[in-house]
PDB file of N, CA and C in Angstrom:
ATOM      1  N   UNK A   1     -14.029  32.064  -5.610  1.00  0.00           N
ATOM      2  CA  UNK A   1     -13.756  30.672  -5.890  1.00  0.00           C
ATOM      3  C   UNK A   1     -14.989  30.092  -6.580  1.00  0.00           C
ATOM      4  N   UNK A   2     -14.798  29.549  -7.754  1.00  0.00           N
ATOM      5  CA  UNK A   2     -15.923  28.964  -8.475  1.00  0.00           C
ATOM      6  C   UNK A   2     -15.899  27.454  -8.300  1.00  0.00           C
ATOM      7  N   UNK A   3     -17.074  26.889  -8.322  1.00  0.00           N
ATOM      8  CA  UNK A   3     -17.190  25.439  -8.166  1.00  0.00           C
ATOM      9  C   UNK A   3     -18.085  24.890  -9.252  1.00  0.00           C
ATOM     10  N   UNK A   4     -17.906  23.608  -9.493  1.00  0.00           N
ATOM     11  CA  UNK A   4     -18.764  22.918 -10.447  1.00  0.00           C
ATOM     12  C   UNK A   4     -20.068  22.562  -9.754  1.00  0.00           C
ATOM     13  N   UNK A   5     -21.086  22.268 -10.517  1.00  0.00           N
ATOM     14  CA  UNK A   5     -22.346  21.816  -9.944  1.00  0.00           C
ATOM     15  C   UNK A   5     -22.147  20.455  -9.309  1.00  0.00           C
ATOM     16  N   UNK A   6     -22.996  20.129  -8.358  1.00  0.00           N
ATOM     17  CA  UNK A   6     -22.918  18.843  -7.678  1.00  0.00           C
ATOM     18  C   UNK A   6     -23.195  17.729  -8.679  1.00  0.00           C
ATOM     19  N   UNK A   7     -22.477  16.626  -8.523  1.00  0.00           N
ATOM     20  CA  UNK A   7     -22.630  15.492  -9.426  1.00  0.00           C
ATOM     21  C   UNK A   7     -23.946  14.785  -9.140  1.00  0.00           C
ATOM     22  N   UNK A   8     -24.579  14.303 -10.184  1.00  0.00           N
ATOM     23  CA  UNK A   8     -25.849  13.591 -10.027  1.00  0.00           C
ATOM     24  C   UNK A   8     -25.591  12.154  -9.606  1.00  0.00           C
ATOM     25  N   UNK A   9     -26.483  11.643  -8.788  1.00  0.00           N
ATOM     26  CA  UNK A   9     -26.409  10.232  -8.402  1.00  0.00           C
ATOM     27  C   UNK A   9     -27.219   9.426  -9.399  1.00  0.00           C
ATOM     28  N   UNK A  10     -27.331   8.135  -9.171  1.00  0.00           N
ATOM     29  CA  UNK A  10     -28.081   7.272 -10.079  1.00  0.00           C
ATOM     30  C   UNK A  10     -29.583   7.496  -9.988  1.00  0.00           C
ATOM     31  N   UNK A  11     -30.060   8.160  -8.929  1.00  0.00           N
ATOM     32  CA  UNK A  11     -31.496   8.366  -8.739  1.00  0.00           C
ATOM     33  C   UNK A  11     -31.909   9.711  -9.334  1.00  0.00           C
ATOM     34  N   UNK A  12     -32.995   9.747 -10.076  1.00  0.00           N
ATOM     35  CA  UNK A  12     -33.427  11.012 -10.663  1.00  0.00           C
ATOM     36  C   UNK A  12     -33.868  11.997  -9.589  1.00  0.00           C
ATOM     37  N   UNK A  13     -33.488  13.279  -9.757  1.00  0.00           N
ATOM     38  CA  UNK A  13     -33.897  14.321  -8.837  1.00  0.00           C
ATOM     39  C   UNK A  13     -33.018  14.452  -7.606  1.00  0.00           C
ATOM     40  N   UNK A  14     -32.059  13.590  -7.424  1.00  0.00           N
ATOM     41  CA  UNK A  14     -31.173  13.634  -6.262  1.00  0.00           C
ATOM     42  C   UNK A  14     -29.787  14.081  -6.711  1.00  0.00           C
ATOM     43  N   UNK A  15     -29.109  14.866  -5.887  1.00  0.00           N
ATOM     44  CA  UNK A  15     -27.733  15.266  -6.181  1.00  0.00           C
ATOM     45  C   UNK A  15     -26.880  15.008  -4.958  1.00  0.00           C
ATOM     46  N   UNK A  16     -25.590  14.819  -5.169  1.00  0.00           N
ATOM     47  CA  UNK A  16     -24.657  14.647  -4.066  1.00  0.00           C
ATOM     48  C   UNK A  16     -24.503  15.975  -3.346  1.00  0.00           C
ATOM     49  N   UNK A  17     -24.233  15.939  -2.056  1.00  0.00           N
ATOM     50  CA  UNK A  17     -24.046  17.158  -1.288  1.00  0.00           C
ATOM     51  C   UNK A  17     -22.627  17.697  -1.444  1.00  0.00           C
ATOM     52  N   UNK A  18     -21.699  16.902  -1.966  1.00  0.00           N
ATOM     53  CA  UNK A  18     -20.317  17.315  -2.127  1.00  0.00           C
ATOM     54  C   UNK A  18     -20.180  18.234  -3.324  1.00  0.00           C
ATOM     55  N   UNK A  19     -19.626  19.406  -3.107  1.00  0.00           N
ATOM     56  CA  UNK A  19     -19.367  20.348  -4.195  1.00  0.00           C
ATOM     57  C   UNK A  19     -17.914  20.150  -4.619  1.00  0.00           C
ATOM     58  N   UNK A  20     -17.686  19.881  -5.878  1.00  0.00           N
ATOM     59  CA  UNK A  20     -16.361  19.590  -6.401  1.00  0.00           C
ATOM     60  C   UNK A  20     -15.747  20.873  -6.951  1.00  0.00           C
ATOM     61  N   UNK A  21     -14.552  21.262  -6.464  1.00  0.00           N
ATOM     62  CA  UNK A  21     -13.927  22.474  -6.993  1.00  0.00           C
ATOM     63  C   UNK A  21     -13.404  22.249  -8.402  1.00  0.00           C
ATOM     64  N   UNK A  22     -13.304  23.329  -9.179  1.00  0.00           N
ATOM     65  CA  UNK A  22     -12.728  23.227 -10.516  1.00  0.00           C
ATOM     66  C   UNK A  22     -11.250  22.900 -10.399  1.00  0.00           C
ATOM     67  N   UNK A  23     -10.734  22.196 -11.374  1.00  0.00           N
ATOM     68  CA  UNK A  23      -9.322  21.839 -11.366  1.00  0.00           C
ATOM     69  C   UNK A  23      -8.485  23.100 -11.443  1.00  0.00           C
ATOM     70  N   UNK A  24      -7.376  23.116 -10.690  1.00  0.00           N
ATOM     71  CA  UNK A  24      -6.478  24.248 -10.710  1.00  0.00           C
ATOM     72  C   UNK A  24      -6.918  25.397  -9.823  1.00  0.00           C
ATOM     73  N   UNK A  25      -7.987  25.228  -9.051  1.00  0.00           N
ATOM     74  CA  UNK A  25      -8.444  26.310  -8.193  1.00  0.00           C
ATOM     75  C   UNK A  25      -7.537  26.435  -6.972  1.00  0.00           C
ATOM     76  N   UNK A  26      -7.598  27.578  -6.300  1.00  0.00           N
ATOM     77  CA  UNK A  26      -6.779  27.800  -5.109  1.00  0.00           C
ATOM     78  C   UNK A  26      -7.184  26.854  -3.991  1.00  0.00           C
ATOM     79  N   UNK A  27      -8.456  26.492  -3.933  1.00  0.00           N
ATOM     80  CA  UNK A  27      -8.944  25.572  -2.909  1.00  0.00           C
ATOM     81  C   UNK A  27      -8.211  24.240  -2.984  1.00  0.00           C
ATOM     82  N   UNK A  28      -8.076  23.703  -4.175  1.00  0.00           N
ATOM     83  CA  UNK A  28      -7.409  22.415  -4.362  1.00  0.00           C
ATOM     84  C   UNK A  28      -5.931  22.522  -3.998  1.00  0.00           C
ATOM     85  N   UNK A  29      -5.274  23.582  -4.397  1.00  0.00           N
ATOM     86  CA  UNK A  29      -3.855  23.781  -4.116  1.00  0.00           C
ATOM     87  C   UNK A  29      -3.633  23.921  -2.610  1.00  0.00           C
ATOM     88  N   UNK A  30      -4.506  24.613  -1.920  1.00  0.00           N
ATOM     89  CA  UNK A  30      -4.378  24.788  -0.478  1.00  0.00           C
ATOM     90  C   UNK A  30      -4.511  23.448   0.247  1.00  0.00           C
ATOM     91  N   UNK A  31      -5.420  22.618  -0.221  1.00  0.00           N
ATOM     92  CA  UNK A  31      -5.589  21.301   0.409  1.00  0.00           C
ATOM     93  C   UNK A  31      -4.362  20.422   0.186  1.00  0.00           C
ATOM     94  N   UNK A  32      -3.761  20.510  -0.978  1.00  0.00           N
ATOM     95  CA  UNK A  32      -2.559  19.722  -1.266  1.00  0.00           C
ATOM     96  C   UNK A  32      -1.414  20.186  -0.374  1.00  0.00           C
ATOM     97  N   UNK A  33      -1.241  21.499  -0.234  1.00  0.00           N
ATOM     98  CA  UNK A  33      -0.181  22.034   0.626  1.00  0.00           C
ATOM     99  C   UNK A  33      -0.395  21.604   2.078  1.00  0.00           C
ATOM    100  N   UNK A  34      -1.638  21.639   2.527  1.00  0.00           N
ATOM    101  CA  UNK A  34      -1.949  21.229   3.895  1.00  0.00           C
ATOM    102  C   UNK A  34      -1.636  19.742   4.091  1.00  0.00           C
ATOM    103  N   UNK A  35      -1.968  18.919   3.106  1.00  0.00           N
ATOM    104  CA  UNK A  35      -1.685  17.489   3.191  1.00  0.00           C
ATOM    105  C   UNK A  35      -0.181  17.243   3.298  1.00  0.00           C
ATOM    106  N   UNK A  36       0.611  17.921   2.474  1.00  0.00           N
ATOM    107  CA  UNK A  36       2.068  17.751   2.497  1.00  0.00           C
ATOM    108  C   UNK A  36       2.636  18.185   3.848  1.00  0.00           C
ATOM    109  N   UNK A  37       2.131  19.282   4.382  1.00  0.00           N
ATOM    110  CA  UNK A  37       2.586  19.765   5.688  1.00  0.00           C
ATOM    111  C   UNK A  37       2.276  18.733   6.769  1.00  0.00           C
ATOM    112  N   UNK A  38       1.090  18.133   6.724  1.00  0.00           N
ATOM    113  CA  UNK A  38       0.716  17.123   7.711  1.00  0.00           C
ATOM    114  C   UNK A  38       1.565  15.857   7.574  1.00  0.00           C
ATOM    115  N   UNK A  39       1.888  15.477   6.352  1.00  0.00           N
ATOM    116  CA  UNK A  39       2.741  14.296   6.139  1.00  0.00           C
ATOM    117  C   UNK A  39       4.116  14.542   6.733  1.00  0.00           C
ATOM    118  N   UNK A  40       4.685  15.737   6.510  1.00  0.00           N
ATOM    119  CA  UNK A  40       5.999  16.060   7.078  1.00  0.00           C
ATOM    120  C   UNK A  40       5.958  15.995   8.601  1.00  0.00           C
ATOM    121  N   UNK A  41       4.901  16.525   9.207  1.00  0.00           N
ATOM    122  CA  UNK A  41       4.779  16.491  10.665  1.00  0.00           C
ATOM    123  C   UNK A  41       4.692  15.059  11.180  1.00  0.00           C
ATOM    124  N   UNK A  42       3.975  14.196  10.486  1.00  0.00           N
ATOM    125  CA  UNK A  42       3.862  12.806  10.907  1.00  0.00           C
ATOM    126  C   UNK A  42       5.194  12.071  10.781  1.00  0.00           C
ATOM    127  N   UNK A  43       5.959  12.372   9.725  1.00  0.00           N
ATOM    128  CA  UNK A  43       7.261  11.730   9.561  1.00  0.00           C
ATOM    129  C   UNK A  43       8.220  12.138  10.673  1.00  0.00           C
ATOM    130  N   UNK A  44       8.080  13.346  11.201  1.00  0.00           N
ATOM    131  CA  UNK A  44       8.931  13.777  12.313  1.00  0.00           C
ATOM    132  C   UNK A  44       8.608  13.017  13.594  1.00  0.00           C
ATOM    133  N   UNK A  45       7.396  12.481  13.713  1.00  0.00           N
ATOM    134  CA  UNK A  45       6.986  11.740  14.902  1.00  0.00           C
ATOM    135  C   UNK A  45       7.444  10.276  14.882  1.00  0.00           C
ATOM    136  N   UNK A  46       7.854   9.774  13.713  1.00  0.00           N
ATOM    137  CA  UNK A  46       8.230   8.367  13.575  1.00  0.00           C
ATOM    138  C   UNK A  46       9.549   8.108  14.293  1.00  0.00           C
ATOM    139  N   UNK A  47       9.616   7.032  15.065  1.00  0.00           N
ATOM    140  CA  UNK A  47      10.859   6.615  15.728  1.00  0.00           C
ATOM    141  C   UNK A  47      11.595   5.667  14.774  1.00  0.00           C
ATOM    142  N   UNK A  48      12.511   6.216  13.987  1.00  0.00           N
ATOM    143  CA  UNK A  48      13.228   5.428  12.997  1.00  0.00           C
ATOM    144  C   UNK A  48      14.278   4.564  13.690  1.00  0.00           C
ATOM    145  N   UNK A  49      14.427   3.284  13.283  1.00  0.00           N
ATOM    146  CA  UNK A  49      15.447   2.417  13.898  1.00  0.00           C
ATOM    147  C   UNK A  49      16.842   2.827  13.432  1.00  0.00           C
ATOM    148  N   UNK A  50      17.846   2.489  14.275  1.00  0.00           N
ATOM    149  CA  UNK A  50      19.221   2.803  13.874  1.00  0.00           C
ATOM    150  C   UNK A  50      19.707   1.784  12.843  1.00  0.00           C
ATOM    151  N   UNK A  51      20.867   2.061  12.264  1.00  0.00           N
ATOM    152  CA  UNK A  51      21.391   1.233  11.170  1.00  0.00           C
ATOM    153  C   UNK A  51      21.655  -0.204  11.639  1.00  0.00           C
ATOM    154  N   UNK A  52      22.185  -0.373  12.842  1.00  0.00           N
ATOM    155  CA  UNK A  52      22.506  -1.704  13.346  1.00  0.00           C
ATOM    156  C   UNK A  52      21.247  -2.574  13.444  1.00  0.00           C
ATOM    157  N   UNK A  53      20.183  -2.012  13.961  1.00  0.00           N
ATOM    158  CA  UNK A  53      18.924  -2.750  14.107  1.00  0.00           C
ATOM    159  C   UNK A  53      18.325  -3.085  12.737  1.00  0.00           C
ATOM    160  N   UNK A  54      18.392  -2.150  11.810  1.00  0.00           N
ATOM    161  CA  UNK A  54      17.843  -2.367  10.467  1.00  0.00           C
ATOM    162  C   UNK A  54      18.588  -3.488   9.740  1.00  0.00           C
ATOM    163  N   UNK A  55      19.922  -3.476   9.831  1.00  0.00           N
ATOM    164  CA  UNK A  55      20.728  -4.512   9.168  1.00  0.00           C
ATOM    165  C   UNK A  55      20.456  -5.877   9.800  1.00  0.00           C
ATOM    166  N   UNK A  56      20.352  -5.924  11.122  1.00  0.00           N
ATOM    167  CA  UNK A  56      20.089  -7.197  11.805  1.00  0.00           C
ATOM    168  C   UNK A  56      18.724  -7.752  11.405  1.00  0.00           C
ATOM    169  N   UNK A  57      17.723  -6.913  11.377  1.00  0.00           N
ATOM    170  CA  UNK A  57      16.390  -7.356  10.998  1.00  0.00           C
ATOM    171  C   UNK A  57      16.355  -7.829   9.552  1.00  0.00           C
ATOM    172  N   UNK A  58      17.025  -7.094   8.660  1.00  0.00           N
ATOM    173  CA  UNK A  58      17.076  -7.501   7.254  1.00  0.00           C
ATOM    174  C   UNK A  58      17.792  -8.839   7.112  1.00  0.00           C
ATOM    175  N   UNK A  59      18.831  -9.060   7.893  1.00  0.00           N
ATOM    176  CA  UNK A  59      19.550 -10.339   7.857  1.00  0.00           C
ATOM    177  C   UNK A  59      18.664 -11.498   8.267  1.00  0.00           C
ATOM    178  N   UNK A  60      17.879 -11.300   9.320  1.00  0.00           N
ATOM    179  CA  UNK A  60      16.956 -12.346   9.770  1.00  0.00           C
ATOM    180  C   UNK A  60      15.944 -12.648   8.676  1.00  0.00           C
ATOM    181  N   UNK A  61      15.426 -11.615   8.025  1.00  0.00           N
ATOM    182  CA  UNK A  61      14.446 -11.817   6.958  1.00  0.00           C
ATOM    183  C   UNK A  61      15.054 -12.611   5.807  1.00  0.00           C
ATOM    184  N   UNK A  62      16.270 -12.267   5.397  1.00  0.00           N
ATOM    185  CA  UNK A  62      16.927 -12.967   4.278  1.00  0.00           C
ATOM    186  C   UNK A  62      17.152 -14.436   4.630  1.00  0.00           C
ATOM    187  N   UNK A  63      17.633 -14.698   5.846  1.00  0.00           N
ATOM    188  CA  UNK A  63      17.888 -16.084   6.256  1.00  0.00           C
ATOM    189  C   UNK A  63      16.580 -16.884   6.284  1.00  0.00           C
ATOM    190  N   UNK A  64      15.517 -16.306   6.824  1.00  0.00           N
ATOM    191  CA  UNK A  64      14.237 -17.018   6.865  1.00  0.00           C
ATOM    192  C   UNK A  64      13.680 -17.271   5.466  1.00  0.00           C
ATOM    193  N   UNK A  65      13.835 -16.318   4.568  1.00  0.00           N
ATOM    194  CA  UNK A  65      13.356 -16.519   3.193  1.00  0.00           C
ATOM    195  C   UNK A  65      14.112 -17.665   2.538  1.00  0.00           C
ATOM    196  N   UNK A  66      15.409 -17.726   2.745  1.00  0.00           N
ATOM    197  CA  UNK A  66      16.211 -18.817   2.161  1.00  0.00           C
ATOM    198  C   UNK A  66      15.779 -20.163   2.751  1.00  0.00           C
ATOM    199  N   UNK A  67      15.605 -20.224   4.082  1.00  0.00           N
ATOM    200  CA  UNK A  67      15.212 -21.485   4.719  1.00  0.00           C
ATOM    201  C   UNK A  67      13.834 -21.951   4.236  1.00  0.00           C
ATOM    202  N   UNK A  68      12.888 -21.037   4.163  1.00  0.00           N
ATOM    203  CA  UNK A  68      11.546 -21.410   3.708  1.00  0.00           C
ATOM    204  C   UNK A  68      11.561 -21.813   2.241  1.00  0.00           C
ATOM    205  N   UNK A  69      12.393 -21.163   1.446  1.00  0.00           N
ATOM    206  CA  UNK A  69      12.503 -21.524   0.026  1.00  0.00           C
ATOM    207  C   UNK A  69      13.014 -22.951  -0.134  1.00  0.00           C
ATOM    208  N   UNK A  70      14.056 -23.310   0.625  1.00  0.00           N
ATOM    209  CA  UNK A  70      14.573 -24.673   0.547  1.00  0.00           C
ATOM    210  C   UNK A  70      13.525 -25.681   1.015  1.00  0.00           C
ATOM    211  N   UNK A  71      12.814 -25.361   2.092  1.00  0.00           N
ATOM    212  CA  UNK A  71      11.788 -26.262   2.601  1.00  0.00           C
ATOM    213  C   UNK A  71      10.682 -26.477   1.564  1.00  0.00           C
ATOM    214  N   UNK A  72      10.163 -25.393   1.011  1.00  0.00           N
ATOM    215  CA  UNK A  72       9.100 -25.528   0.017  1.00  0.00           C
ATOM    216  C   UNK A  72       9.595 -26.234  -1.246  1.00  0.00           C
ATOM    217  N   UNK A  73      10.833 -25.973  -1.634  1.00  0.00           N
ATOM    218  CA  UNK A  73      11.400 -26.674  -2.793  1.00  0.00           C
ATOM    219  C   UNK A  73      11.498 -28.168  -2.547  1.00  0.00           C
ATOM    220  N   UNK A  74      11.928 -28.564  -1.331  1.00  0.00           N
ATOM    221  CA  UNK A  74      12.041 -29.988  -0.993  1.00  0.00           C
ATOM    222  C   UNK A  74      10.659 -30.650  -0.956  1.00  0.00           C
ATOM    223  N   UNK A  75       9.698 -29.983  -0.355  1.00  0.00           N
ATOM    224  CA  UNK A  75       8.335 -30.536  -0.300  1.00  0.00           C
ATOM    225  C   UNK A  75       7.776 -30.691  -1.708  1.00  0.00           C
ATOM    226  N   UNK A  76       7.985 -29.691  -2.549  1.00  0.00           N
ATOM    227  CA  UNK A  76       7.518 -29.757  -3.931  1.00  0.00           C
ATOM    228  C   UNK A  76       8.166 -30.919  -4.674  1.00  0.00           C
ATOM    229  N   UNK A  77       9.463 -31.103  -4.491  1.00  0.00           N
ATOM    230  CA  UNK A  77      10.181 -32.190  -5.166  1.00  0.00           C
ATOM    231  C   UNK A  77       9.661 -33.552  -4.698  1.00  0.00           C
ATOM    232  N   UNK A  78       9.503 -33.708  -3.390  1.00  0.00           N
ATOM    233  CA  UNK A  78       9.036 -34.985  -2.846  1.00  0.00           C
ATOM    234  C   UNK A  78       7.607 -35.288  -3.296  1.00  0.00           C
ATOM    235  N   UNK A  79       6.717 -34.304  -3.185  1.00  0.00           N
ATOM    236  CA  UNK A  79       5.343 -34.540  -3.607  1.00  0.00           C
ATOM    237  C   UNK A  79       5.240 -34.768  -5.115  1.00  0.00           C
ATOM    238  N   UNK A  80       6.077 -34.108  -5.883  1.00  0.00           N
ATOM    239  CA  UNK A  80       6.094 -34.355  -7.332  1.00  0.00           C
ATOM    240  C   UNK A  80       6.502 -35.767  -7.662  1.00  0.00           C
ATOM    241  N   UNK A  81       7.515 -36.279  -6.951  1.00  0.00           N
ATOM    242  CA  UNK A  81       7.958 -37.667  -7.168  1.00  0.00           C
ATOM    243  C   UNK A  81       6.858 -38.661  -6.758  1.00  0.00           C
ATOM    244  N   UNK A  82       6.201 -38.411  -5.608  1.00  0.00           N
ATOM    245  CA  UNK A  82       5.150 -39.294  -5.141  1.00  0.00           C
ATOM    246  C   UNK A  82       3.964 -39.312  -6.111  1.00  0.00           C
ATOM    247  N   UNK A  83       3.566 -38.169  -6.591  1.00  0.00           N
ATOM    248  CA  UNK A  83       2.447 -38.112  -7.534  1.00  0.00           C
ATOM    249  C   UNK A  83       2.844 -38.786  -8.850  1.00  0.00           C
ATOM    250  N   UNK A  84       4.104 -38.630  -9.235  1.00  0.00           N
ATOM    251  CA  UNK A  84       4.584 -39.295 -10.442  1.00  0.00           C
ATOM    252  C   UNK A  84       4.510 -40.808 -10.322  1.00  0.00           C
ATOM    253  N   UNK A  85       4.846 -41.333  -9.142  1.00  0.00           N
ATOM    254  CA  UNK A  85       4.775 -42.773  -8.912  1.00  0.00           C
ATOM    255  C   UNK A  85       3.316 -43.255  -8.901  1.00  0.00           C
ATOM    256  N   UNK A  86       2.423 -42.483  -8.320  1.00  0.00           N
ATOM    257  CA  UNK A  86       1.005 -42.863  -8.251  1.00  0.00           C
ATOM    258  C   UNK A  86       0.393 -42.867  -9.654  1.00  0.00           C
ATOM    259  N   UNK A  87       0.739 -41.907 -10.476  1.00  0.00           N
ATOM    260  CA  UNK A  87       0.168 -41.806 -11.807  1.00  0.00           C
ATOM    261  C   UNK A  87       0.621 -42.971 -12.713  1.00  0.00           C
ATOM    262  N   UNK A  88       1.868 -43.419 -12.545  1.00  0.00           N
ATOM    263  CA  UNK A  88       2.379 -44.514 -13.390  1.00  0.00           C
ATOM    264  C   UNK A  88       1.690 -45.755 -13.082  1.00  0.00           C
TER     265      UNK A  88
END
């Protein structure tokens, strides 16, 4: 396995301790495979909600977004009218 030289830091005479592998090396491919394997294992540990719970939660979010939108729109309209009256 060949590696590139350590990258230089901003200070003269100092080098980073991290050795960077060449692109396409087996070392890099092995690390990617290990990462994917670990991600799959973590996804198996997740307690996914059932469809009924997901739909109910999404419904609550949609209703709250609509209510907050109307509230902010009304506040914006009222404050715009008040500022318009003050400016005149």
